[in-house]
Protein backbone atom coordinates (compact mmCIF):
# COMPACT_ATOMS: atom_id res chain seq x y z
CA MET A 1 10.38 61.34 20.46
CA LYS A 2 12.64 63.93 18.84
CA ASN A 3 10.44 66.75 20.19
CA LEU A 4 10.62 65.32 23.71
CA PHE A 5 14.41 65.11 23.53
CA THR A 6 14.65 68.70 22.26
CA PHE A 7 12.31 69.84 25.02
CA LEU A 8 14.42 68.12 27.69
CA ILE A 9 17.67 69.61 26.38
CA LEU A 10 16.11 73.06 26.19
CA SER A 11 14.64 72.85 29.69
CA ILE A 12 17.99 71.69 31.12
CA PHE A 13 19.73 74.59 29.40
CA ILE A 14 17.24 77.13 30.74
CA THR A 15 17.32 75.82 34.31
CA SER A 16 21.12 75.77 34.31
CA CYS A 17 21.11 79.51 33.64
CA VAL A 18 19.13 80.22 36.81
CA THR A 19 21.25 80.87 39.90
CA VAL A 20 20.03 80.80 43.46
CA ASN A 21 21.51 83.23 45.97
CA GLU A 22 19.99 81.34 48.92
CA GLY A 23 18.46 84.57 50.22
CA LYS A 24 21.80 86.11 51.19
CA LYS A 25 22.20 89.67 49.93
CA THR A 26 25.62 91.26 49.97
CA TYR A 27 26.04 94.95 50.64
CA THR A 28 28.76 97.45 49.93
CA ALA A 29 29.93 99.66 52.78
CA GLU A 30 28.44 102.69 51.04
CA GLU A 31 24.97 101.12 51.39
CA LEU A 32 25.27 100.65 55.15
CA SER A 33 24.15 103.18 57.75
CA GLU A 34 26.56 104.74 60.24
CA GLU A 35 25.00 102.60 62.97
CA GLN A 36 25.60 99.39 61.02
CA ILE A 37 29.20 100.40 60.34
CA SER A 38 29.73 101.17 64.04
CA LYS A 39 28.43 97.72 64.99
CA TYR A 40 30.73 96.11 62.41
CA ASN A 41 33.74 98.15 63.57
CA ALA A 42 33.16 97.08 67.18
CA LYS A 43 33.63 93.42 66.18
CA VAL A 44 36.74 93.59 64.00
CA GLU A 45 40.40 94.45 64.45
CA GLU A 46 41.64 97.96 63.68
CA ASP A 47 42.94 97.38 60.13
CA LYS A 48 39.58 95.93 59.05
CA ARG A 49 37.50 98.81 60.43
CA ILE A 50 35.52 100.84 57.91
CA VAL A 51 35.86 104.60 57.54
CA CYS A 52 33.44 106.52 55.32
CA ARG A 53 33.97 109.98 53.85
CA ASN A 54 32.15 112.32 51.52
CA GLU A 55 34.53 112.90 48.61
CA LYS A 56 34.10 114.99 45.50
CA PRO A 57 35.21 113.15 42.37
CA LEU A 58 37.66 114.99 40.14
CA GLY A 59 35.74 117.41 37.93
CA SER A 60 32.57 117.39 40.04
CA ASN A 61 31.19 119.43 42.91
CA ILE A 62 28.81 116.69 44.01
CA ALA A 63 30.20 114.71 46.94
CA ALA A 64 29.74 110.96 47.02
CA ARG A 65 30.07 108.68 50.03
CA LYS A 66 33.19 106.51 49.78
CA CYS A 67 34.17 103.91 52.35
CA TYR A 68 37.58 102.36 52.96
CA THR A 69 39.17 100.06 55.49
CA VAL A 70 41.83 101.50 57.79
CA ALA A 71 44.40 99.25 56.08
CA GLU A 72 43.46 100.67 52.66
CA LEU A 73 43.82 104.23 53.96
CA LYS A 74 47.24 103.47 55.48
CA LYS A 75 48.44 101.90 52.22
CA ARG A 76 47.09 104.84 50.24
CA GLU A 77 48.89 107.31 52.55
CA GLU A 78 52.18 105.40 52.20
CA ASN A 79 51.87 105.36 48.40
CA ASP A 80 51.06 109.08 48.30
CA LYS A 81 54.08 109.92 50.48
CA GLU A 82 56.35 107.76 48.31
CA ASN A 83 55.06 109.39 45.12
CA LEU A 84 55.58 112.86 46.63
CA ARG A 85 59.17 111.99 47.64
CA ARG A 86 59.86 110.59 44.17
CA ASP A 87 58.46 113.70 42.45
CA GLN A 88 60.42 116.04 44.74
CA SER A 89 63.69 114.16 44.15
CA LYS A 90 63.16 114.44 40.38
CA ARG A 91 62.64 118.20 40.66
CA ILE A 92 65.74 118.67 42.83
CA GLY A 93 67.80 116.77 40.26
CA ARG A 94 66.49 118.99 37.42
CA ASP A 95 67.01 122.25 39.31
CA ASN A 96 70.66 121.50 40.06
CA GLY A 97 71.59 120.31 36.61
């Protein structure tokens, strides 16, 4: 009886660790072809459209495909401009003083 109970507990534990994805595979934008991205972009609003680029990571000459949404690129551009303005205003303050 004790062995049966142990077996049941063990089998419940093992089956609880198994997850089922229901056959749905998720993809990153980098894994999609240009054609698939074009089809996706045709269905969504502008800020959700995907833009892919070949970018070289810092310290490497090997380009890697990176994909962003238009909204992410706009936000990144705004942050870069703000950081540039902040850095320039710090330099102007140092040069005058």
